[in-house]
Amino acid sequence: MKWANFYFLGFVIFLGGVVAAAWKIGLIERVGTAWTAIGVVMALGIGIMVSVANSGRKESIQIEK
């Protein structure tokens, strides 16, 4: 498993904790389920972009003819 996968797994666990805390204090009831789902999807998208951007080395490949 690559480090990007570990990063994204950690981000998903962190996001689950944030959602659980928001549910426990009643924030999700005040904001609404639809907006909460939109926020979770956006946060997952950001997590995917950051984990992919930080994965691996950027190298140029030279092809000899």
PDB file of N, CA and C in Angstrom:
ATOM      1  N   MET A   1       0.851  -1.183   0.000  1.00  0.00           N
ATOM      2  CA  MET A   1       0.000   0.000   0.000  1.00  0.00           C
ATOM      3  C   MET A   1       0.892   1.239   0.000  1.00  0.00           C
ATOM      4  N   LYS A   2       0.598   2.172  -0.877  1.00  0.00           N
ATOM      5  CA  LYS A   2       1.414   3.384  -0.967  1.00  0.00           C
ATOM      6  C   LYS A   2       1.083   4.343   0.174  1.00  0.00           C
ATOM      7  N   TRP A   3       1.997   5.276   0.400  1.00  0.00           N
ATOM      8  CA  TRP A   3       1.800   6.257   1.468  1.00  0.00           C
ATOM      9  C   TRP A   3       0.580   7.125   1.214  1.00  0.00           C
ATOM     10  N   ALA A   4       0.266   7.377  -0.048  1.00  0.00           N
ATOM     11  CA  ALA A   4      -0.919   8.182  -0.366  1.00  0.00           C
ATOM     12  C   ALA A   4      -2.176   7.488   0.129  1.00  0.00           C
ATOM     13  N   ASN A   5      -2.213   6.169   0.021  1.00  0.00           N
ATOM     14  CA  ASN A   5      -3.363   5.424   0.511  1.00  0.00           C
ATOM     15  C   ASN A   5      -3.485   5.528   2.031  1.00  0.00           C
ATOM     16  N   PHE A   6      -2.341   5.459   2.731  1.00  0.00           N
ATOM     17  CA  PHE A   6      -2.355   5.616   4.180  1.00  0.00           C
ATOM     18  C   PHE A   6      -2.818   7.013   4.564  1.00  0.00           C
ATOM     19  N   TYR A   7      -2.347   8.016   3.829  1.00  0.00           N
ATOM     20  CA  TYR A   7      -2.755   9.386   4.103  1.00  0.00           C
ATOM     21  C   TYR A   7      -4.260   9.531   3.941  1.00  0.00           C
ATOM     22  N   PHE A   8      -4.795   8.998   2.847  1.00  0.00           N
ATOM     23  CA  PHE A   8      -6.224   9.132   2.593  1.00  0.00           C
ATOM     24  C   PHE A   8      -7.031   8.360   3.624  1.00  0.00           C
ATOM     25  N   LEU A   9      -6.560   7.182   4.038  1.00  0.00           N
ATOM     26  CA  LEU A   9      -7.246   6.417   5.078  1.00  0.00           C
ATOM     27  C   LEU A   9      -7.284   7.210   6.385  1.00  0.00           C
ATOM     28  N   GLY A  10      -6.180   7.832   6.744  1.00  0.00           N
ATOM     29  CA  GLY A  10      -6.145   8.676   7.936  1.00  0.00           C
ATOM     30  C   GLY A  10      -7.072   9.862   7.827  1.00  0.00           C
ATOM     31  N   PHE A  11      -7.143  10.439   6.642  1.00  0.00           N
ATOM     32  CA  PHE A  11      -8.036  11.580   6.428  1.00  0.00           C
ATOM     33  C   PHE A  11      -9.494  11.165   6.576  1.00  0.00           C
ATOM     34  N   VAL A  12      -9.846   9.982   6.061  1.00  0.00           N
ATOM     35  CA  VAL A  12     -11.224   9.492   6.179  1.00  0.00           C
ATOM     36  C   VAL A  12     -11.570   9.235   7.641  1.00  0.00           C
ATOM     37  N   ILE A  13     -10.631   8.663   8.397  1.00  0.00           N
ATOM     38  CA  ILE A  13     -10.867   8.435   9.821  1.00  0.00           C
ATOM     39  C   ILE A  13     -11.038   9.762  10.552  1.00  0.00           C
ATOM     40  N   PHE A  14     -10.192  10.737  10.237  1.00  0.00           N
ATOM     41  CA  PHE A  14     -10.305  12.062  10.837  1.00  0.00           C
ATOM     42  C   PHE A  14     -11.647  12.702  10.504  1.00  0.00           C
ATOM     43  N   LEU A  15     -12.059  12.599   9.239  1.00  0.00           N
ATOM     44  CA  LEU A  15     -13.335  13.171   8.817  1.00  0.00           C
ATOM     45  C   LEU A  15     -14.499  12.493   9.536  1.00  0.00           C
ATOM     46  N   GLY A  16     -14.408  11.183   9.733  1.00  0.00           N
ATOM     47  CA  GLY A  16     -15.432  10.473  10.497  1.00  0.00           C
ATOM     48  C   GLY A  16     -15.528  10.985  11.921  1.00  0.00           C
ATOM     49  N   GLY A  17     -14.393  11.286  12.529  1.00  0.00           N
ATOM     50  CA  GLY A  17     -14.390  11.851  13.875  1.00  0.00           C
ATOM     51  C   GLY A  17     -15.016  13.228  13.932  1.00  0.00           C
ATOM     52  N   VAL A  18     -14.742  14.033  12.927  1.00  0.00           N
ATOM     53  CA  VAL A  18     -15.330  15.377  12.872  1.00  0.00           C
ATOM     54  C   VAL A  18     -16.847  15.295  12.722  1.00  0.00           C
ATOM     55  N   VAL A  19     -17.306  14.400  11.844  1.00  0.00           N
ATOM     56  CA  VAL A  19     -18.752  14.246  11.652  1.00  0.00           C
ATOM     57  C   VAL A  19     -19.403  13.709  12.931  1.00  0.00           C
ATOM     58  N   ALA A  20     -18.756  12.758  13.603  1.00  0.00           N
ATOM     59  CA  ALA A  20     -19.302  12.217  14.854  1.00  0.00           C
ATOM     60  C   ALA A  20     -19.385  13.298  15.934  1.00  0.00           C
ATOM     61  N   ALA A  21     -18.366  14.146  16.003  1.00  0.00           N
ATOM     62  CA  ALA A  21     -18.389  15.232  16.982  1.00  0.00           C
ATOM     63  C   ALA A  21     -19.489  16.240  16.652  1.00  0.00           C
ATOM     64  N   ALA A  22     -19.656  16.553  15.371  1.00  0.00           N
ATOM     65  CA  ALA A  22     -20.716  17.484  14.969  1.00  0.00           C
ATOM     66  C   ALA A  22     -22.092  16.902  15.260  1.00  0.00           C
ATOM     67  N   TRP A  23     -22.249  15.602  15.080  1.00  0.00           N
ATOM     68  CA  TRP A  23     -23.529  14.939  15.392  1.00  0.00           C
ATOM     69  C   TRP A  23     -23.785  14.958  16.891  1.00  0.00           C
ATOM     70  N   LYS A  24     -22.742  14.715  17.688  1.00  0.00           N
ATOM     71  CA  LYS A  24     -22.884  14.642  19.144  1.00  0.00           C
ATOM     72  C   LYS A  24     -23.297  15.989  19.738  1.00  0.00           C
ATOM     73  N   ILE A  25     -22.757  17.088  19.211  1.00  0.00           N
ATOM     74  CA  ILE A  25     -23.112  18.399  19.767  1.00  0.00           C
ATOM     75  C   ILE A  25     -24.368  18.982  19.130  1.00  0.00           C
ATOM     76  N   GLY A  26     -24.949  18.283  18.162  1.00  0.00           N
ATOM     77  CA  GLY A  26     -26.196  18.728  17.554  1.00  0.00           C
ATOM     78  C   GLY A  26     -26.030  19.680  16.394  1.00  0.00           C
ATOM     79  N   LEU A  27     -24.823  19.812  15.889  1.00  0.00           N
ATOM     80  CA  LEU A  27     -24.577  20.735  14.786  1.00  0.00           C
ATOM     81  C   LEU A  27     -25.227  20.257  13.495  1.00  0.00           C
ATOM     82  N   ILE A  28     -25.230  18.948  13.271  1.00  0.00           N
ATOM     83  CA  ILE A  28     -25.812  18.410  12.037  1.00  0.00           C
ATOM     84  C   ILE A  28     -27.314  18.673  11.987  1.00  0.00           C
ATOM     85  N   GLU A  29     -27.980  18.616  13.132  1.00  0.00           N
ATOM     86  CA  GLU A  29     -29.425  18.892  13.166  1.00  0.00           C
ATOM     87  C   GLU A  29     -29.722  20.339  12.796  1.00  0.00           C
ATOM     88  N   ARG A  30     -28.859  21.259  13.241  1.00  0.00           N
ATOM     89  CA  ARG A  30     -29.084  22.672  12.941  1.00  0.00           C
ATOM     90  C   ARG A  30     -28.728  23.008  11.500  1.00  0.00           C
ATOM     91  N   VAL A  31     -27.692  22.400  10.972  1.00  0.00           N
ATOM     92  CA  VAL A  31     -27.243  22.711   9.614  1.00  0.00           C
ATOM     93  C   VAL A  31     -28.091  21.971   8.586  1.00  0.00           C
ATOM     94  N   GLY A  32     -28.382  20.727   8.854  1.00  0.00           N
ATOM     95  CA  GLY A  32     -29.167  19.921   7.921  1.00  0.00           C
ATOM     96  C   GLY A  32     -28.331  18.810   7.318  1.00  0.00           C
ATOM     97  N   THR A  33     -28.982  17.727   7.003  1.00  0.00           N
ATOM     98  CA  THR A  33     -28.286  16.559   6.483  1.00  0.00           C
ATOM     99  C   THR A  33     -27.709  16.802   5.096  1.00  0.00           C
ATOM    100  N   ALA A  34     -28.430  17.520   4.267  1.00  0.00           N
ATOM    101  CA  ALA A  34     -27.952  17.761   2.898  1.00  0.00           C
ATOM    102  C   ALA A  34     -26.653  18.562   2.900  1.00  0.00           C
ATOM    103  N   TRP A  35     -26.592  19.629   3.692  1.00  0.00           N
ATOM    104  CA  TRP A  35     -25.371  20.438   3.746  1.00  0.00           C
ATOM    105  C   TRP A  35     -24.227  19.670   4.391  1.00  0.00           C
ATOM    106  N   THR A  36     -24.551  18.821   5.342  1.00  0.00           N
ATOM    107  CA  THR A  36     -23.510  18.000   5.950  1.00  0.00           C
ATOM    108  C   THR A  36     -22.943  17.032   4.916  1.00  0.00           C
ATOM    109  N   ALA A  37     -23.797  16.404   4.118  1.00  0.00           N
ATOM    110  CA  ALA A  37     -23.331  15.481   3.082  1.00  0.00           C
ATOM    111  C   ALA A  37     -22.493  16.211   2.039  1.00  0.00           C
ATOM    112  N   ILE A  38     -22.916  17.417   1.662  1.00  0.00           N
ATOM    113  CA  ILE A  38     -22.148  18.211   0.699  1.00  0.00           C
ATOM    114  C   ILE A  38     -20.764  18.521   1.263  1.00  0.00           C
ATOM    115  N   GLY A  39     -20.694  18.899   2.522  1.00  0.00           N
ATOM    116  CA  GLY A  39     -19.402  19.188   3.158  1.00  0.00           C
ATOM    117  C   GLY A  39     -18.501  17.972   3.237  1.00  0.00           C
ATOM    118  N   VAL A  40     -19.081  16.813   3.531  1.00  0.00           N
ATOM    119  CA  VAL A  40     -18.290  15.582   3.608  1.00  0.00           C
ATOM    120  C   VAL A  40     -17.739  15.214   2.240  1.00  0.00           C
ATOM    121  N   VAL A  41     -18.552  15.326   1.195  1.00  0.00           N
ATOM    122  CA  VAL A  41     -18.092  15.014  -0.158  1.00  0.00           C
ATOM    123  C   VAL A  41     -16.977  15.975  -0.576  1.00  0.00           C
ATOM    124  N   MET A  42     -17.125  17.247  -0.259  1.00  0.00           N
ATOM    125  CA  MET A  42     -16.080  18.212  -0.597  1.00  0.00           C
ATOM    126  C   MET A  42     -14.790  17.920   0.159  1.00  0.00           C
ATOM    127  N   ALA A  43     -14.898  17.568   1.427  1.00  0.00           N
ATOM    128  CA  ALA A  43     -13.710  17.253   2.215  1.00  0.00           C
ATOM    129  C   ALA A  43     -13.022  16.001   1.687  1.00  0.00           C
ATOM    130  N   LEU A  44     -13.793  15.000   1.280  1.00  0.00           N
ATOM    131  CA  LEU A  44     -13.193  13.800   0.686  1.00  0.00           C
ATOM    132  C   LEU A  44     -12.485  14.134  -0.618  1.00  0.00           C
ATOM    133  N   GLY A  45     -13.056  15.008  -1.413  1.00  0.00           N
ATOM    134  CA  GLY A  45     -12.407  15.432  -2.651  1.00  0.00           C
ATOM    135  C   GLY A  45     -11.091  16.139  -2.389  1.00  0.00           C
ATOM    136  N   ILE A  46     -11.075  16.996  -1.403  1.00  0.00           N
ATOM    137  CA  ILE A  46      -9.827  17.682  -1.037  1.00  0.00           C
ATOM    138  C   ILE A  46      -8.802  16.679  -0.538  1.00  0.00           C
ATOM    139  N   GLY A  47      -9.244  15.714   0.251  1.00  0.00           N
ATOM    140  CA  GLY A  47      -8.326  14.684   0.747  1.00  0.00           C
ATOM    141  C   GLY A  47      -7.723  13.865  -0.377  1.00  0.00           C
ATOM    142  N   ILE A  48      -8.513  13.524  -1.371  1.00  0.00           N
ATOM    143  CA  ILE A  48      -7.998  12.774  -2.519  1.00  0.00           C
ATOM    144  C   ILE A  48      -6.990  13.613  -3.291  1.00  0.00           C
ATOM    145  N   MET A  49      -7.308  14.887  -3.521  1.00  0.00           N
ATOM    146  CA  MET A  49      -6.394  15.744  -4.274  1.00  0.00           C
ATOM    147  C   MET A  49      -5.062  15.921  -3.546  1.00  0.00           C
ATOM    148  N   VAL A  50      -5.101  16.127  -2.243  1.00  0.00           N
ATOM    149  CA  VAL A  50      -3.872  16.328  -1.481  1.00  0.00           C
ATOM    150  C   VAL A  50      -3.052  15.044  -1.425  1.00  0.00           C
ATOM    151  N   SER A  51      -3.709  13.910  -1.216  1.00  0.00           N
ATOM    152  CA  SER A  51      -2.952  12.659  -1.138  1.00  0.00           C
ATOM    153  C   SER A  51      -2.321  12.289  -2.475  1.00  0.00           C
ATOM    154  N   VAL A  52      -2.998  12.556  -3.577  1.00  0.00           N
ATOM    155  CA  VAL A  52      -2.424  12.261  -4.888  1.00  0.00           C
ATOM    156  C   VAL A  52      -1.294  13.239  -5.209  1.00  0.00           C
ATOM    157  N   ALA A  53      -1.477  14.490  -4.839  1.00  0.00           N
ATOM    158  CA  ALA A  53      -0.444  15.494  -5.121  1.00  0.00           C
ATOM    159  C   ALA A  53       0.835  15.213  -4.339  1.00  0.00           C
ATOM    160  N   ASN A  54       0.727  14.612  -3.168  1.00  0.00           N
ATOM    161  CA  ASN A  54       1.903  14.352  -2.341  1.00  0.00           C
ATOM    162  C   ASN A  54       2.447  12.939  -2.505  1.00  0.00           C
ATOM    163  N   SER A  55       1.945  12.185  -3.442  1.00  0.00           N
ATOM    164  CA  SER A  55       2.406  10.804  -3.598  1.00  0.00           C
ATOM    165  C   SER A  55       3.495  10.721  -4.656  1.00  0.00           C
ATOM    166  N   GLY A  56       4.525  10.023  -4.324  1.00  0.00           N
ATOM    167  CA  GLY A  56       5.579   9.726  -5.289  1.00  0.00           C
ATOM    168  C   GLY A  56       6.443  10.905  -5.666  1.00  0.00           C
ATOM    169  N   ARG A  57       7.496  10.591  -6.386  1.00  0.00           N
ATOM    170  CA  ARG A  57       8.411  11.610  -6.881  1.00  0.00           C
ATOM    171  C   ARG A  57       7.999  12.017  -8.283  1.00  0.00           C
ATOM    172  N   LYS A  58       8.221  13.262  -8.575  1.00  0.00           N
ATOM    173  CA  LYS A  58       7.942  13.753  -9.927  1.00  0.00           C
ATOM    174  C   LYS A  58       9.238  13.635 -10.720  1.00  0.00           C
ATOM    175  N   GLU A  59       9.241  12.795 -11.720  1.00  0.00           N
ATOM    176  CA  GLU A  59      10.433  12.582 -12.531  1.00  0.00           C
ATOM    177  C   GLU A  59      10.107  12.736 -14.000  1.00  0.00           C
ATOM    178  N   SER A  60      11.089  13.156 -14.747  1.00  0.00           N
ATOM    179  CA  SER A  60      10.958  13.226 -16.194  1.00  0.00           C
ATOM    180  C   SER A  60      11.510  11.923 -16.772  1.00  0.00           C
ATOM    181  N   ILE A  61      10.815  11.370 -17.712  1.00  0.00           N
ATOM    182  CA  ILE A  61      11.258  10.147 -18.363  1.00  0.00           C
ATOM    183  C   ILE A  61      11.834  10.525 -19.734  1.00  0.00           C
ATOM    184  N   GLN A  62      13.057  10.102 -19.980  1.00  0.00           N
ATOM    185  CA  GLN A  62      13.678  10.377 -21.270  1.00  0.00           C
ATOM    186  C   GLN A  62      13.655   9.099 -22.101  1.00  0.00           C
ATOM    187  N   ILE A  63      13.185   9.230 -23.296  1.00  0.00           N
ATOM    188  CA  ILE A  63      13.084   8.093 -24.211  1.00  0.00           C
ATOM    189  C   ILE A  63      14.185   8.245 -25.253  1.00  0.00           C
ATOM    190  N   GLU A  64      15.028   7.220 -25.354  1.00  0.00           N
ATOM    191  CA  GLU A  64      16.090   7.249 -26.357  1.00  0.00           C
ATOM    192  C   GLU A  64      15.591   6.608 -27.637  1.00  0.00           C
ATOM    193  N   LYS A  65      15.915   7.219 -28.755  1.00  0.00           N
ATOM    194  CA  LYS A  65      15.467   6.701 -30.046  1.00  0.00           C
ATOM    195  C   LYS A  65      16.509   5.814 -30.662  1.00  0.00           C
TER     196      LYS A  65
END
